[in-house]
């Protein structure tokens, strides 16, 4: 079966607006997506990270670089300041090649972000 380009989503929350908290939460999310979907960083074509407007201490994409995603094009942006939006939220959209059907992919919503998509959150939240 040929590999085709798929999109994979995930989100999490940082414990605080600090570099350490943002990097830790993002790394945890990326590892969870890799573990659940069985891809390697060199199979990722690109990744788009967004963060809620209250996260300003660090770029979430830096966590990917620290995990060895050195050849992956990464982009970061700020989310729109929506009233009642989830605070300290980090989101990612990965594009990678896989033989899996879209319905077989495991999107991950961790920590407080589990509220965004309870249908796609791990059992332990």
C-alpha atoms as a PDB file:
ATOM      1  CA  UNK A   1       0.000   0.000   0.000  1.00  0.00           C
ATOM      2  CA  UNK A   2       1.363   3.433  -0.920  1.00  0.00           C
ATOM      3  CA  UNK A   3       1.865   6.108   1.677  1.00  0.00           C
ATOM      4  CA  UNK A   4      -0.270   9.223   1.341  1.00  0.00           C
ATOM      5  CA  UNK A   5      -0.169  12.598   3.071  1.00  0.00           C
ATOM      6  CA  UNK A   6      -2.423  12.868   6.124  1.00  0.00           C
ATOM      7  CA  UNK A   7      -3.158  15.520   8.717  1.00  0.00           C
ATOM      8  CA  UNK A   8      -2.907  14.730  12.407  1.00  0.00           C
ATOM      9  CA  UNK A   9      -4.174  16.986  15.178  1.00  0.00           C
ATOM     10  CA  UNK A  10      -3.359  17.381  18.820  1.00  0.00           C
ATOM     11  CA  UNK A  11      -3.647  19.835  21.663  1.00  0.00           C
ATOM     12  CA  UNK A  12      -2.549  20.214  25.254  1.00  0.00           C
ATOM     13  CA  UNK A  13      -2.162  22.873  27.903  1.00  0.00           C
ATOM     14  CA  UNK A  14       0.920  24.260  29.603  1.00  0.00           C
ATOM     15  CA  UNK A  15       0.960  24.465  33.383  1.00  0.00           C
ATOM     16  CA  UNK A  16       2.159  28.087  33.225  1.00  0.00           C
ATOM     17  CA  UNK A  17       3.420  30.759  30.844  1.00  0.00           C
ATOM     18  CA  UNK A  18       7.051  29.741  31.235  1.00  0.00           C
ATOM     19  CA  UNK A  19       9.513  28.386  28.730  1.00  0.00           C
ATOM     20  CA  UNK A  20       9.878  25.178  30.724  1.00  0.00           C
ATOM     21  CA  UNK A  21       6.132  24.544  30.981  1.00  0.00           C
ATOM     22  CA  UNK A  22       5.498  25.248  27.289  1.00  0.00           C
ATOM     23  CA  UNK A  23       8.371  23.034  26.141  1.00  0.00           C
ATOM     24  CA  UNK A  24       7.380  20.197  28.491  1.00  0.00           C
ATOM     25  CA  UNK A  25       3.724  20.205  27.440  1.00  0.00           C
ATOM     26  CA  UNK A  26       4.576  20.374  23.745  1.00  0.00           C
ATOM     27  CA  UNK A  27       7.159  17.586  23.979  1.00  0.00           C
ATOM     28  CA  UNK A  28       4.666  15.396  25.832  1.00  0.00           C
ATOM     29  CA  UNK A  29       2.091  16.000  23.080  1.00  0.00           C
ATOM     30  CA  UNK A  30       4.507  15.245  20.244  1.00  0.00           C
ATOM     31  CA  UNK A  31       5.699  12.044  21.924  1.00  0.00           C
ATOM     32  CA  UNK A  32       2.088  10.939  22.480  1.00  0.00           C
ATOM     33  CA  UNK A  33       1.247  11.551  18.813  1.00  0.00           C
ATOM     34  CA  UNK A  34       4.335   9.594  17.698  1.00  0.00           C
ATOM     35  CA  UNK A  35       3.671   6.701  20.079  1.00  0.00           C
ATOM     36  CA  UNK A  36      -0.008   6.457  19.103  1.00  0.00           C
ATOM     37  CA  UNK A  37       0.570   6.711  15.349  1.00  0.00           C
ATOM     38  CA  UNK A  38       3.973   5.109  14.842  1.00  0.00           C
ATOM     39  CA  UNK A  39       5.681   7.753  12.737  1.00  0.00           C
ATOM     40  CA  UNK A  40       9.260   9.023  12.816  1.00  0.00           C
ATOM     41  CA  UNK A  41      10.213  12.724  12.638  1.00  0.00           C
ATOM     42  CA  UNK A  42      11.746  12.178   9.196  1.00  0.00           C
ATOM     43  CA  UNK A  43       8.273  11.150   7.934  1.00  0.00           C
ATOM     44  CA  UNK A  44       6.755  14.482   8.976  1.00  0.00           C
ATOM     45  CA  UNK A  45       6.419  16.909   6.065  1.00  0.00           C
ATOM     46  CA  UNK A  46       5.484  19.941   8.181  1.00  0.00           C
ATOM     47  CA  UNK A  47       3.978  21.018  11.480  1.00  0.00           C
ATOM     48  CA  UNK A  48       1.929  24.058  12.399  1.00  0.00           C
ATOM     49  CA  UNK A  49       1.794  25.043  16.058  1.00  0.00           C
ATOM     50  CA  UNK A  50      -0.574  27.564  17.579  1.00  0.00           C
ATOM     51  CA  UNK A  51      -0.818  28.791  21.127  1.00  0.00           C
ATOM     52  CA  UNK A  52      -3.431  30.751  22.994  1.00  0.00           C
ATOM     53  CA  UNK A  53      -2.664  34.483  23.325  1.00  0.00           C
ATOM     54  CA  UNK A  54      -1.667  34.095  26.997  1.00  0.00           C
ATOM     55  CA  UNK A  55       1.362  31.933  26.104  1.00  0.00           C
ATOM     56  CA  UNK A  56       4.230  34.256  25.243  1.00  0.00           C
ATOM     57  CA  UNK A  57       7.272  32.821  27.036  1.00  0.00           C
ATOM     58  CA  UNK A  58       8.345  30.313  24.357  1.00  0.00           C
ATOM     59  CA  UNK A  59       7.691  29.005  20.860  1.00  0.00           C
ATOM     60  CA  UNK A  60       6.038  25.570  21.094  1.00  0.00           C
ATOM     61  CA  UNK A  61       7.853  24.555  17.881  1.00  0.00           C
ATOM     62  CA  UNK A  62      11.149  24.761  19.774  1.00  0.00           C
ATOM     63  CA  UNK A  63      10.147  21.572  21.614  1.00  0.00           C
ATOM     64  CA  UNK A  64      10.082  19.733  18.284  1.00  0.00           C
ATOM     65  CA  UNK A  65      13.601  20.946  17.491  1.00  0.00           C
ATOM     66  CA  UNK A  66      14.791  19.785  20.911  1.00  0.00           C
ATOM     67  CA  UNK A  67      13.288  16.344  20.170  1.00  0.00           C
ATOM     68  CA  UNK A  68      15.370  16.101  16.998  1.00  0.00           C
ATOM     69  CA  UNK A  69      12.865  17.324  14.424  1.00  0.00           C
ATOM     70  CA  UNK A  70      15.643  19.322  12.792  1.00  0.00           C
ATOM     71  CA  UNK A  71      14.639  18.761   9.153  1.00  0.00           C
ATOM     72  CA  UNK A  72      10.917  19.391   9.572  1.00  0.00           C
ATOM     73  CA  UNK A  73       9.506  22.765   8.447  1.00  0.00           C
ATOM     74  CA  UNK A  74       7.774  24.229  11.520  1.00  0.00           C
ATOM     75  CA  UNK A  75       5.484  27.238  11.847  1.00  0.00           C
ATOM     76  CA  UNK A  76       4.093  28.883  14.949  1.00  0.00           C
ATOM     77  CA  UNK A  77       1.182  31.289  15.310  1.00  0.00           C
ATOM     78  CA  UNK A  78      -1.042  32.779  17.962  1.00  0.00           C
ATOM     79  CA  UNK A  79      -4.682  31.753  18.241  1.00  0.00           C
ATOM     80  CA  UNK A  80      -7.453  34.321  18.088  1.00  0.00           C
ATOM     81  CA  UNK A  81      -8.382  35.684  21.522  1.00  0.00           C
ATOM     82  CA  UNK A  82     -11.841  34.100  21.664  1.00  0.00           C
ATOM     83  CA  UNK A  83     -13.921  34.881  24.764  1.00  0.00           C
ATOM     84  CA  UNK A  84     -13.977  31.817  27.013  1.00  0.00           C
ATOM     85  CA  UNK A  85     -11.183  30.177  24.990  1.00  0.00           C
ATOM     86  CA  UNK A  86      -9.088  27.530  26.687  1.00  0.00           C
ATOM     87  CA  UNK A  87      -6.189  29.209  28.511  1.00  0.00           C
ATOM     88  CA  UNK A  88      -2.549  28.134  28.062  1.00  0.00           C
ATOM     89  CA  UNK A  89      -3.515  25.941  25.093  1.00  0.00           C
ATOM     90  CA  UNK A  90      -1.023  24.597  22.538  1.00  0.00           C
ATOM     91  CA  UNK A  91      -2.309  23.049  19.315  1.00  0.00           C
ATOM     92  CA  UNK A  92      -0.496  21.252  16.515  1.00  0.00           C
ATOM     93  CA  UNK A  93      -1.379  20.118  13.005  1.00  0.00           C
ATOM     94  CA  UNK A  94       1.126  17.630  11.595  1.00  0.00           C
ATOM     95  CA  UNK A  95       1.314  16.554   7.965  1.00  0.00           C
ATOM     96  CA  UNK A  96       2.952  13.174   7.441  1.00  0.00           C
ATOM     97  CA  UNK A  97       2.983  10.275   5.026  1.00  0.00           C
ATOM     98  CA  UNK A  98       1.362   7.055   6.174  1.00  0.00           C
ATOM     99  CA  UNK A  99      -0.418   3.959   4.919  1.00  0.00           C
ATOM    100  CA  UNK A 100      -3.102   4.447   7.574  1.00  0.00           C
ATOM    101  CA  UNK A 101      -6.562   5.635   6.607  1.00  0.00           C
ATOM    102  CA  UNK A 102      -7.587   8.994   8.073  1.00  0.00           C
ATOM    103  CA  UNK A 103     -10.129   7.279  10.359  1.00  0.00           C
ATOM    104  CA  UNK A 104      -7.338   5.094  11.819  1.00  0.00           C
ATOM    105  CA  UNK A 105      -5.220   8.028  13.003  1.00  0.00           C
ATOM    106  CA  UNK A 106      -5.155   8.752  16.694  1.00  0.00           C
ATOM    107  CA  UNK A 107      -5.472  12.473  17.366  1.00  0.00           C
ATOM    108  CA  UNK A 108      -4.386  13.416  20.898  1.00  0.00           C
ATOM    109  CA  UNK A 109      -5.944  15.953  23.255  1.00  0.00           C
ATOM    110  CA  UNK A 110      -4.078  15.979  26.560  1.00  0.00           C
ATOM    111  CA  UNK A 111      -4.402  17.709  29.918  1.00  0.00           C
ATOM    112  CA  UNK A 112      -7.094  20.433  29.931  1.00  0.00           C
ATOM    113  CA  UNK A 113      -7.320  20.262  26.130  1.00  0.00           C
ATOM    114  CA  UNK A 114      -9.190  16.966  26.547  1.00  0.00           C
ATOM    115  CA  UNK A 115     -12.266  19.196  27.033  1.00  0.00           C
ATOM    116  CA  UNK A 116     -11.948  20.347  23.416  1.00  0.00           C
ATOM    117  CA  UNK A 117     -12.434  16.859  21.954  1.00  0.00           C
ATOM    118  CA  UNK A 118     -13.477  14.316  24.582  1.00  0.00           C
ATOM    119  CA  UNK A 119     -14.121  11.867  21.733  1.00  0.00           C
ATOM    120  CA  UNK A 120     -10.416  11.930  20.874  1.00  0.00           C
ATOM    121  CA  UNK A 121      -8.792  12.103  24.297  1.00  0.00           C
ATOM    122  CA  UNK A 122      -6.897   9.248  25.919  1.00  0.00           C
ATOM    123  CA  UNK A 123      -8.756   7.469  28.713  1.00  0.00           C
ATOM    124  CA  UNK A 124      -6.466   8.964  31.366  1.00  0.00           C
ATOM    125  CA  UNK A 125      -7.039  12.514  30.006  1.00  0.00           C
END
